[in-house]
């Protein structure tokens, strides 16, 4: 990923970003950062880039020509097929959030335009800017600090930047809760001891304490976030009455990725804050006969998971969606890990030579040779880049693989034809299940109704199947 910061103070930007994690990421070619001096594109003999605003007023305004030329020169160097955004950092923009950071991290190139003086001539903004972003309701002397904040937040989401292999498979952000208090040595300082639970070694109790403290801190310091959190918890309590059927929506809330779009008339509509996926459930089925009178407050829905078959006509008529597949939810309800004896050892190897490891892009050719599912090449590549696919190998030969889908389910399980009686599928499913249990997640899969082999494997490993089915609906083929 490449960041292009258009500024009048390039030294300020580069000195701030070429240290610590972002600096190391640049040196390791994980990301690219350049500062483009807008003043270099001035056609004034004194290199001026500002002038008095029409209509009067205090201060000076950055002119159209140098800003436009600087931006155009950068855009001309970016490949035409690259995904790119031009961001103007301004107090008038939409708030910068973790969800926006994740959205920007999916781009190939980000141009960040830093204003100064009283801002930039509106005409050039209308011509080149795609996003107006604010980092807070206050005014800075220029956009450089805000741009650096955005670069830092986005860069750490680029695969490989943090250098933490396990963080890739976590892929969660509790957006409506503040972080819990943190403690380090010494155990007692100024008469204040570290909370005993953190010294207990009981991870379940520690996780419970951290969650409770996050809730308390959010209620005290950010009542606005706490109100959203409470509303989602109320939705969760409604959904959990049919836990197996609604597990995808429950886990979306549990993992802090749910945005509540609508709640009313017995309905809940959530949106994944990281991906353009909606989830709909009717928690009061007595309202189903009146579904034709419902009006959801969304103009467009490209992709949705619905949990009641009776809602198919509504989404077909209003949003032009078609049913792509019907699935059972398969849920692991246990808290302890699945037994691995005979499947793999603690070092992820087995007596017959099989070993498990995370897939890399260099494994793509073998992945495509054996994959027979509906996910396209770009989607599988993105899952590998995010560290979400694990392969089973004999030597250098890929025998099978499994992964976590972007919406949180276990999936993409595929075993090469010559290895289908070697318990490869069971090893992969067990490994991914245990990994998710370690992370405090509820492991679940969504299995197409006619996939008898996969349904049998899920049940053999102790997964429970939902009695009813869910339906994926989309306007056109999506990368899921």
Protein backbone atom coordinates (compact mmCIF):
# COMPACT_ATOMS: atom_id res chain seq x y z
CA UNK A 1 0.00 0.00 0.00
CA UNK A 2 1.22 3.50 -0.84
CA UNK A 3 0.49 6.76 1.00
CA UNK A 4 0.93 10.09 -0.83
CA UNK A 5 0.72 13.14 1.46
CA UNK A 6 0.28 16.44 -0.35
CA UNK A 7 1.55 19.17 1.97
CA UNK A 8 3.41 22.44 2.35
CA UNK A 9 5.57 20.91 5.09
CA UNK A 10 6.99 17.59 3.80
CA UNK A 11 9.79 17.47 6.39
CA UNK A 12 7.28 17.60 9.24
CA UNK A 13 5.32 14.67 7.81
CA UNK A 14 8.28 12.43 7.01
CA UNK A 15 10.04 13.04 10.32
CA UNK A 16 6.90 11.99 12.15
CA UNK A 17 6.11 8.90 10.09
CA UNK A 18 9.57 7.45 9.43
CA UNK A 19 9.98 6.26 13.01
CA UNK A 20 8.62 3.34 15.03
CA UNK A 21 6.26 0.88 13.33
CA UNK A 22 5.49 2.91 10.20
CA UNK A 23 9.17 3.64 9.62
CA UNK A 24 10.08 -0.05 9.90
CA UNK A 25 7.22 -0.98 7.56
CA UNK A 26 8.60 1.41 4.92
CA UNK A 27 12.11 -0.04 5.28
CA UNK A 28 10.69 -3.55 4.89
CA UNK A 29 8.65 -2.52 1.81
CA UNK A 30 5.36 -3.35 3.53
CA UNK A 31 4.07 0.16 2.75
CA UNK A 32 5.26 3.22 0.86
CA UNK A 33 5.09 6.80 2.15
CA UNK A 34 5.95 9.93 0.19
CA UNK A 35 5.44 13.60 0.97
CA UNK A 36 4.65 15.74 -2.07
CA UNK A 37 5.47 19.43 -1.66
CA UNK A 38 2.57 21.40 -3.14
CA UNK A 39 4.80 24.47 -3.35
CA UNK A 40 6.91 22.71 -5.99
CA UNK A 41 3.94 22.99 -8.37
CA UNK A 42 3.45 26.72 -8.00
CA UNK A 43 3.85 28.76 -11.19
CA UNK A 44 4.43 31.96 -9.25
CA UNK A 45 8.02 33.25 -9.44
CA UNK A 46 8.08 33.42 -5.63
CA UNK A 47 6.52 29.94 -5.29
CA UNK A 48 3.42 31.36 -3.63
CA UNK A 49 0.50 28.97 -3.24
CA UNK A 50 -1.99 31.27 -1.45
CA UNK A 51 -4.06 34.35 -2.20
CA UNK A 52 -6.84 36.48 -0.71
CA UNK A 53 -10.32 34.88 -0.79
CA UNK A 54 -13.05 36.44 -2.90
CA UNK A 55 -15.74 38.04 -0.79
CA UNK A 56 -13.29 39.10 1.88
CA UNK A 57 -12.58 37.50 5.22
CA UNK A 58 -9.58 36.90 7.42
CA UNK A 59 -6.55 34.96 6.24
CA UNK A 60 -5.38 33.50 2.97
CA UNK A 61 -6.60 30.62 0.84
CA UNK A 62 -4.61 27.92 -0.99
CA UNK A 63 -5.01 28.35 -4.74
CA UNK A 64 -6.46 25.93 -7.26
CA UNK A 65 -3.54 25.54 -9.66
CA UNK A 66 -0.70 24.21 -7.44
CA UNK A 67 -3.01 21.89 -5.52
CA UNK A 68 -4.56 20.48 -8.70
CA UNK A 69 -1.22 20.03 -10.46
CA UNK A 70 0.34 18.30 -7.46
CA UNK A 71 -2.59 15.93 -7.15
CA UNK A 72 -2.70 15.25 -10.89
CA UNK A 73 1.00 14.43 -10.98
CA UNK A 74 0.57 11.82 -8.23
CA UNK A 75 -2.53 10.29 -9.84
CA UNK A 76 -0.75 9.98 -13.19
CA UNK A 77 1.87 7.75 -11.54
CA UNK A 78 -0.70 5.36 -10.07
CA UNK A 79 -1.70 2.37 -12.24
CA UNK A 80 -5.14 2.81 -13.75
CA UNK A 81 -6.48 -0.42 -12.26
CA UNK A 82 -5.31 0.44 -8.72
CA UNK A 83 -7.85 1.15 -5.98
CA UNK A 84 -7.29 4.71 -4.80
CA UNK A 85 -8.92 7.44 -2.72
CA UNK A 86 -8.16 11.15 -2.35
CA UNK A 87 -8.79 12.29 1.22
CA UNK A 88 -9.07 15.91 2.30
CA UNK A 89 -8.50 16.23 6.05
CA UNK A 90 -10.84 18.89 7.38
CA UNK A 91 -12.96 19.57 10.51
CA UNK A 92 -15.94 19.60 8.14
CA UNK A 93 -15.42 15.94 7.19
CA UNK A 94 -17.03 12.79 8.52
CA UNK A 95 -15.46 11.42 11.72
CA UNK A 96 -12.49 9.11 11.29
CA UNK A 97 -13.21 5.75 12.91
CA UNK A 98 -11.68 2.30 13.04
CA UNK A 99 -14.25 1.19 10.48
CA UNK A 100 -13.05 3.91 8.07
CA UNK A 101 -9.44 2.92 8.75
CA UNK A 102 -10.24 -0.67 7.74
CA UNK A 103 -12.05 0.59 4.64
CA UNK A 104 -9.05 2.70 3.60
CA UNK A 105 -6.68 -0.21 4.28
CA UNK A 106 -8.32 -2.09 1.41
CA UNK A 107 -7.04 0.52 -1.07
CA UNK A 108 -3.81 0.40 -3.06
CA UNK A 109 -3.10 4.14 -2.89
CA UNK A 110 -4.27 6.86 -0.50
CA UNK A 111 -3.72 10.53 -1.32
CA UNK A 112 -4.06 12.77 1.73
CA UNK A 113 -4.47 16.44 0.97
CA UNK A 114 -3.37 18.78 3.77
CA UNK A 115 -4.90 22.24 3.82
CA UNK A 116 -3.38 25.35 5.40
CA UNK A 117 -4.24 28.99 6.07
CA UNK A 118 -8.03 29.26 5.70
CA UNK A 119 -8.28 26.10 3.61
CA UNK A 120 -8.29 25.28 -0.11
CA UNK A 121 -10.26 26.72 -3.01
CA UNK A 122 -13.53 24.78 -3.19
CA UNK A 123 -13.29 24.17 -6.93
CA UNK A 124 -10.24 21.92 -6.74
CA UNK A 125 -11.78 19.97 -3.86
CA UNK A 126 -14.85 19.29 -5.99
CA UNK A 127 -12.57 18.13 -8.81
CA UNK A 128 -10.29 15.66 -7.03
CA UNK A 129 -11.47 14.74 -3.51
CA UNK A 130 -13.33 11.47 -2.85
CA UNK A 131 -13.51 11.61 0.97
CA UNK A 132 -13.70 14.43 3.51
CA UNK A 133 -12.36 13.18 6.85
CA UNK A 134 -12.13 14.81 10.29
CA UNK A 135 -10.15 13.45 13.23
CA UNK A 136 -12.12 15.56 15.73
CA UNK A 137 -14.18 18.64 16.40
CA UNK A 138 -11.33 21.10 16.73
CA UNK A 139 -9.17 23.23 14.44
CA UNK A 140 -5.46 22.66 13.76
CA UNK A 141 -3.04 24.99 12.00
CA UNK A 142 -2.83 22.54 9.09
CA UNK A 143 -3.81 19.09 7.96
CA UNK A 144 -0.42 17.46 8.48
CA UNK A 145 -1.05 16.12 11.99
CA UNK A 146 -4.44 14.77 10.97
CA UNK A 147 -2.93 13.09 7.89
CA UNK A 148 -0.27 11.47 10.05
CA UNK A 149 -2.94 10.11 12.39
CA UNK A 150 -4.82 8.57 9.45
CA UNK A 151 -1.65 7.05 7.96
CA UNK A 152 -0.69 5.51 11.30
CA UNK A 153 -4.16 4.04 11.90
CA UNK A 154 -4.47 2.65 8.37
CA UNK A 155 -0.90 1.38 8.03
CA UNK A 156 -1.12 -0.86 11.08
CA UNK A 157 -4.00 -2.72 9.38
CA UNK A 158 -1.89 -3.57 6.32
CA UNK A 159 -0.81 -7.24 6.50
CA UNK A 160 2.71 -7.63 7.85
CA UNK A 161 3.07 -4.11 9.26
CA UNK A 162 2.53 -5.04 12.91
CA UNK A 163 4.65 -8.16 12.57
CA UNK A 164 2.29 -10.06 14.87
CA UNK A 165 1.23 -13.25 13.15
CA UNK A 166 -1.56 -14.05 15.60
CA UNK A 167 -3.15 -10.61 15.28
CA UNK A 168 -4.10 -11.37 11.69
CA UNK A 169 -6.39 -14.24 12.63
CA UNK A 170 -8.11 -12.17 15.33
CA UNK A 171 -9.52 -9.54 12.97
CA UNK A 172 -11.79 -7.87 15.54
CA UNK A 173 -12.36 -4.44 17.00
CA UNK A 174 -14.75 -3.72 19.84
CA UNK A 175 -15.85 -0.40 18.40
CA UNK A 176 -18.41 0.47 21.09
CA UNK A 177 -16.24 -0.26 24.14
CA UNK A 178 -13.16 1.53 25.42
CA UNK A 179 -10.11 -0.49 26.36
CA UNK A 180 -9.86 -1.89 29.89
CA UNK A 181 -7.19 -0.62 32.36
CA UNK A 182 -3.68 -2.00 31.83
CA UNK A 183 -1.00 -2.84 34.44
CA UNK A 184 2.69 -3.80 34.46
CA UNK A 185 5.50 -4.15 37.03
CA UNK A 186 5.86 -3.48 39.91
CA UNK A 187 2.92 -5.36 41.46
CA UNK A 188 2.50 -2.59 44.05
CA UNK A 189 3.22 1.08 43.35
CA UNK A 190 2.41 3.97 45.72
CA UNK A 191 0.34 1.51 47.72
CA UNK A 192 -1.77 0.56 44.67
CA UNK A 193 -1.66 -3.17 43.83
CA UNK A 194 -2.31 -4.77 40.46
CA UNK A 195 -5.80 -6.35 40.50
CA UNK A 196 -5.49 -9.93 41.81
CA UNK A 197 -7.38 -11.44 38.89
CA UNK A 198 -4.60 -10.39 36.48
CA UNK A 199 -2.11 -12.41 38.55
CA UNK A 200 -4.33 -15.48 38.84
CA UNK A 201 -3.37 -17.19 35.56
CA UNK A 202 -7.05 -18.02 34.98
CA UNK A 203 -7.53 -16.68 31.46
CA UNK A 204 -11.30 -17.03 31.48
CA UNK A 205 -11.59 -14.95 34.65
CA UNK A 206 -9.10 -12.44 33.25
CA UNK A 207 -11.08 -12.06 30.02
CA UNK A 208 -14.31 -11.61 32.00
CA UNK A 209 -12.66 -8.92 34.16
CA UNK A 210 -11.31 -7.08 31.13
CA UNK A 211 -14.75 -7.07 29.51
CA UNK A 212 -16.43 -5.82 32.69
CA UNK A 213 -13.87 -3.05 33.09
CA UNK A 214 -14.32 -2.00 29.45
CA UNK A 215 -18.06 -1.71 30.00
CA UNK A 216 -17.59 0.31 33.22
CA UNK A 217 -15.05 2.64 31.63
CA UNK A 218 -17.21 3.19 28.56
CA UNK A 219 -20.28 3.97 30.69
CA UNK A 220 -18.30 6.52 32.73
CA UNK A 221 -16.28 8.19 29.96
CA UNK A 222 -18.24 7.73 26.74
CA UNK A 223 -21.99 7.52 27.45
CA UNK A 224 -22.66 7.92 23.71
CA UNK A 225 -20.75 4.72 22.94
CA UNK A 226 -22.26 2.97 25.93
CA UNK A 227 -25.77 3.72 24.69
CA UNK A 228 -24.97 2.05 21.35
CA UNK A 229 -23.37 -0.87 23.17
CA UNK A 230 -26.46 -1.35 25.33
CA UNK A 231 -28.80 -1.30 22.35
CA UNK A 232 -26.73 -3.97 20.61
CA UNK A 233 -26.76 -6.09 23.78
CA UNK A 234 -30.56 -5.89 23.80
CA UNK A 235 -30.57 -7.10 20.20
CA UNK A 236 -28.23 -9.90 21.18
CA UNK A 237 -30.61 -11.06 23.90
CA UNK A 238 -33.42 -11.24 21.34
CA UNK A 239 -31.29 -13.14 18.84
CA UNK A 240 -29.95 -15.62 21.37
CA UNK A 241 -33.42 -17.10 21.87
CA UNK A 242 -32.64 -18.95 18.62
CA UNK A 243 -28.89 -19.13 19.07
CA UNK A 244 -28.09 -21.71 16.41
CA UNK A 245 -30.03 -19.87 13.71
CA UNK A 246 -28.72 -16.40 14.58
CA UNK A 247 -25.13 -17.28 15.53
CA UNK A 248 -23.63 -15.15 12.73
CA UNK A 249 -25.41 -12.02 14.00
CA UNK A 250 -24.65 -12.85 17.63
CA UNK A 251 -20.95 -13.24 16.87
CA UNK A 252 -20.93 -10.04 14.82
CA UNK A 253 -22.08 -8.26 17.98
CA UNK A 254 -19.73 -10.25 20.24
CA UNK A 255 -16.72 -9.37 18.09
CA UNK A 256 -17.54 -5.66 18.10
CA UNK A 257 -18.17 -5.40 14.37
CA UNK A 258 -21.94 -4.87 14.32
CA UNK A 259 -23.53 -1.59 13.29
CA UNK A 260 -27.24 -1.46 14.16
CA UNK A 261 -29.08 -0.14 11.12
CA UNK A 262 -32.66 -0.81 12.19
CA UNK A 263 -34.58 -2.24 15.11
CA UNK A 264 -38.37 -2.25 15.13
CA UNK A 265 -41.49 -4.06 14.00
CA UNK A 266 -39.92 -7.29 15.24
CA UNK A 267 -36.89 -6.87 12.96
CA UNK A 268 -33.18 -6.41 13.46
CA UNK A 269 -30.92 -5.27 10.61
CA UNK A 270 -27.17 -5.22 11.26
CA UNK A 271 -24.27 -4.23 9.03
CA UNK A 272 -20.73 -5.54 9.31
CA UNK A 273 -18.60 -2.45 9.97
CA UNK A 274 -15.68 -3.98 8.07
CA UNK A 275 -17.48 -5.32 5.01
CA UNK A 276 -20.54 -4.35 2.98
CA UNK A 277 -22.60 -7.26 4.34
CA UNK A 278 -26.02 -6.88 5.98
CA UNK A 279 -27.74 -9.35 8.32
CA UNK A 280 -31.50 -9.43 8.79
CA UNK A 281 -33.58 -11.36 11.31
CA UNK A 282 -37.23 -11.25 12.26
CA UNK A 283 -37.22 -11.93 16.00
CA UNK A 284 -41.02 -11.63 16.19
CA UNK A 285 -42.31 -14.05 13.58
CA UNK A 286 -45.92 -13.01 14.25
CA UNK A 287 -45.18 -9.97 12.07
CA UNK A 288 -44.06 -12.04 9.09
CA UNK A 289 -47.45 -11.95 7.30
CA UNK A 290 -47.17 -8.14 7.17
CA UNK A 291 -43.69 -8.20 5.65
CA UNK A 292 -44.93 -6.43 2.52
CA UNK A 293 -45.63 -3.31 4.59
CA UNK A 294 -42.16 -3.11 6.12
CA UNK A 295 -39.81 -0.33 5.11
CA UNK A 296 -36.15 -0.69 6.05
CA UNK A 297 -34.23 2.62 6.15
CA UNK A 298 -31.65 1.56 3.54
CA UNK A 299 -31.71 2.59 -0.11
CA UNK A 300 -29.35 -0.11 -1.36
CA UNK A 301 -28.28 -3.50 -0.01
CA UNK A 302 -25.75 -5.32 -2.21
CA UNK A 303 -25.42 -8.42 -0.03
CA UNK A 304 -27.55 -9.70 2.84
CA UNK A 305 -27.97 -12.80 4.97
CA UNK A 306 -31.62 -13.35 5.89
CA UNK A 307 -32.80 -15.77 8.55
CA UNK A 308 -36.45 -16.30 7.56
CA UNK A 309 -37.40 -17.73 4.18
CA UNK A 310 -40.58 -15.63 4.15
CA UNK A 311 -38.45 -12.49 3.75
CA UNK A 312 -37.06 -13.53 0.36
CA UNK A 313 -39.88 -11.84 -1.65
CA UNK A 314 -39.37 -8.57 0.24
CA UNK A 315 -35.64 -8.33 -0.48
CA UNK A 316 -36.17 -9.47 -4.06
CA UNK A 317 -38.77 -6.79 -4.74
CA UNK A 318 -37.24 -3.85 -2.88
CA UNK A 319 -33.53 -4.39 -3.51
CA UNK A 320 -33.49 -6.58 -6.62
CA UNK A 321 -31.64 -9.37 -4.82
CA UNK A 322 -31.50 -13.01 -5.82
CA UNK A 323 -31.00 -16.01 -3.55
CA UNK A 324 -27.50 -17.40 -4.05
CA UNK A 325 -27.38 -20.22 -1.52
CA UNK A 326 -29.26 -21.79 1.39
CA UNK A 327 -27.20 -22.88 4.39
CA UNK A 328 -27.43 -24.52 7.77
CA UNK A 329 -25.58 -22.85 10.63
CA UNK A 330 -23.21 -25.34 12.31
CA UNK A 331 -22.20 -24.17 15.78
CA UNK A 332 -19.63 -25.40 18.28
CA UNK A 333 -21.26 -24.69 21.66
CA UNK A 334 -18.50 -26.13 23.86
CA UNK A 335 -15.99 -23.98 25.74
CA UNK A 336 -13.08 -26.42 25.83
CA UNK A 337 -11.02 -27.31 22.79
CA UNK A 338 -11.73 -30.27 20.55
CA UNK A 339 -9.44 -33.32 21.04
CA UNK A 340 -6.60 -33.44 18.52
CA UNK A 341 -5.24 -36.92 19.14
CA UNK A 342 -4.59 -38.66 15.86
CA UNK A 343 -5.13 -35.43 13.91
CA UNK A 344 -2.05 -33.37 14.75
CA UNK A 345 0.47 -32.87 17.53
CA UNK A 346 1.11 -29.61 19.47
CA UNK A 347 3.73 -28.61 16.90
CA UNK A 348 1.05 -29.00 14.17
CA UNK A 349 2.69 -32.07 12.65
CA UNK A 350 1.53 -35.70 12.41
CA UNK A 351 3.29 -39.07 12.32
CA UNK A 352 2.46 -39.63 8.64
CA UNK A 353 4.23 -36.41 7.62
CA UNK A 354 1.26 -34.04 7.48
CA UNK A 355 1.85 -30.56 8.89
CA UNK A 356 -0.26 -27.41 9.18
CA UNK A 357 0.81 -23.85 8.47
CA UNK A 358 -0.65 -20.55 7.41
CA UNK A 359 -0.82 -20.12 3.64
CA UNK A 360 1.21 -17.52 1.76
CA UNK A 361 0.64 -15.95 -1.64
CA UNK A 362 3.26 -18.32 -3.03
CA UNK A 363 0.76 -21.14 -2.35
CA UNK A 364 -1.93 -19.60 -4.56
CA UNK A 365 -1.31 -21.84 -7.55
CA UNK A 366 -1.89 -24.98 -5.48
CA UNK A 367 -4.95 -23.43 -3.83
CA UNK A 368 -6.59 -22.75 -7.18
CA UNK A 369 -5.76 -26.25 -8.41
CA UNK A 370 -7.92 -27.91 -5.75
CA UNK A 371 -10.54 -25.26 -4.93
CA UNK A 372 -14.05 -25.94 -6.24
CA UNK A 373 -16.15 -23.41 -4.29
CA UNK A 374 -17.89 -20.15 -5.20
CA UNK A 375 -15.22 -17.74 -3.93
CA UNK A 376 -13.25 -16.04 -6.68
CA UNK A 377 -9.50 -15.66 -7.03
CA UNK A 378 -9.39 -12.12 -5.67
CA UNK A 379 -11.28 -13.09 -2.53
CA UNK A 380 -9.07 -16.09 -1.79
CA UNK A 381 -5.98 -13.95 -2.35
CA UNK A 382 -7.25 -11.32 0.09
CA UNK A 383 -7.94 -14.00 2.72
CA UNK A 384 -4.40 -15.30 2.34
CA UNK A 385 -2.98 -11.77 2.60
CA UNK A 386 -4.89 -11.28 5.86
CA UNK A 387 -3.53 -14.55 7.25
CA UNK A 388 -6.94 -16.21 7.23
CA UNK A 389 -6.18 -19.43 5.34
CA UNK A 390 -4.38 -22.45 6.82
CA UNK A 391 -3.09 -25.33 4.73
CA UNK A 392 -2.31 -28.98 5.37
CA UNK A 393 0.85 -30.17 3.60
CA UNK A 394 2.73 -33.34 2.84
CA UNK A 395 6.18 -32.05 2.01
CA UNK A 396 5.61 -29.23 -0.48
CA UNK A 397 2.25 -30.60 -1.65
CA UNK A 398 -0.92 -28.88 -0.47
CA UNK A 399 -3.35 -31.59 0.65
CA UNK A 400 -6.12 -29.24 1.78
CA UNK A 401 -6.93 -25.90 3.37
CA UNK A 402 -9.48 -24.08 5.49
CA UNK A 403 -10.07 -20.45 6.49
CA UNK A 404 -12.15 -17.82 8.17
CA UNK A 405 -14.56 -15.95 5.92
CA UNK A 406 -14.73 -12.17 6.13
CA UNK A 407 -18.05 -12.32 8.03
CA UNK A 408 -16.51 -14.57 10.70
CA UNK A 409 -17.49 -18.14 9.82
CA UNK A 410 -15.20 -21.11 9.25
CA UNK A 411 -15.25 -22.09 5.61
CA UNK A 412 -13.48 -22.69 2.30
CA UNK A 413 -12.64 -26.21 3.51
CA UNK A 414 -11.24 -28.17 0.59
CA UNK A 415 -9.17 -31.37 0.42
CA UNK A 416 -7.33 -32.53 -2.71
CA UNK A 417 -8.75 -35.68 -4.25
CA UNK A 418 -5.80 -37.92 -3.42
CA UNK A 419 -5.91 -37.10 0.31
CA UNK A 420 -9.60 -37.41 1.16
CA UNK A 421 -9.30 -40.51 3.37
CA UNK A 422 -6.41 -39.23 5.48
CA UNK A 423 -8.47 -37.26 8.04
CA UNK A 424 -7.14 -34.03 6.54
CA UNK A 425 -10.54 -32.30 6.70
CA UNK A 426 -10.99 -33.27 10.36
CA UNK A 427 -7.50 -31.95 11.20
CA UNK A 428 -8.14 -28.63 9.50
CA UNK A 429 -11.63 -28.13 10.97
CA UNK A 430 -10.38 -29.06 14.46
CA UNK A 431 -7.41 -26.69 14.22
CA UNK A 432 -9.52 -23.74 13.10
CA UNK A 433 -12.17 -24.47 15.74
CA UNK A 434 -9.60 -24.59 18.54
CA UNK A 435 -7.92 -21.42 17.28
CA UNK A 436 -11.23 -19.54 17.44
CA UNK A 437 -11.93 -20.92 20.93
CA UNK A 438 -8.52 -19.62 22.03
CA UNK A 439 -9.53 -16.19 20.76
CA UNK A 440 -12.77 -16.24 22.76
CA UNK A 441 -14.95 -16.66 19.67
CA UNK A 442 -17.82 -19.07 19.10
CA UNK A 443 -16.76 -21.23 16.15
CA UNK A 444 -19.43 -21.63 13.51
CA UNK A 445 -19.71 -22.67 9.88
CA UNK A 446 -22.35 -22.03 7.23
CA UNK A 447 -22.84 -25.21 5.21
CA UNK A 448 -24.82 -25.38 1.98
CA UNK A 449 -27.81 -27.66 2.52
CA UNK A 450 -26.84 -30.23 -0.11
CA UNK A 451 -23.24 -30.61 1.12
CA UNK A 452 -23.86 -33.86 2.99
CA UNK A 453 -20.16 -34.62 3.48
CA UNK A 454 -19.46 -31.31 5.24
CA UNK A 455 -22.63 -31.53 7.32
CA UNK A 456 -21.55 -34.99 8.47
CA UNK A 457 -18.08 -33.74 9.42
CA UNK A 458 -19.52 -30.86 11.45
CA UNK A 459 -21.78 -33.19 13.41
CA UNK A 460 -19.01 -35.75 13.92
CA UNK A 461 -16.86 -33.06 15.54
CA UNK A 462 -19.68 -32.03 17.86
CA UNK A 463 -21.13 -29.04 15.99
CA UNK A 464 -24.90 -28.54 16.29
CA UNK A 465 -26.93 -27.71 13.18
CA UNK A 466 -29.67 -25.09 13.13
CA UNK A 467 -33.13 -26.51 12.51
CA UNK A 468 -33.96 -23.73 10.07
CA UNK A 469 -31.76 -22.36 7.30
CA UNK A 470 -30.36 -18.99 6.33
CA UNK A 471 -30.20 -17.46 2.85
CA UNK A 472 -27.47 -15.42 1.19
CA UNK A 473 -28.96 -12.91 -1.25
CA UNK A 474 -27.09 -10.53 -3.55
CA UNK A 475 -27.67 -8.14 -6.43
CA UNK A 476 -24.78 -9.53 -8.46
CA UNK A 477 -21.87 -11.80 -7.81
CA UNK A 478 -19.98 -10.58 -4.73
CA UNK A 479 -16.58 -11.68 -3.41
CA UNK A 480 -17.52 -13.42 -0.18
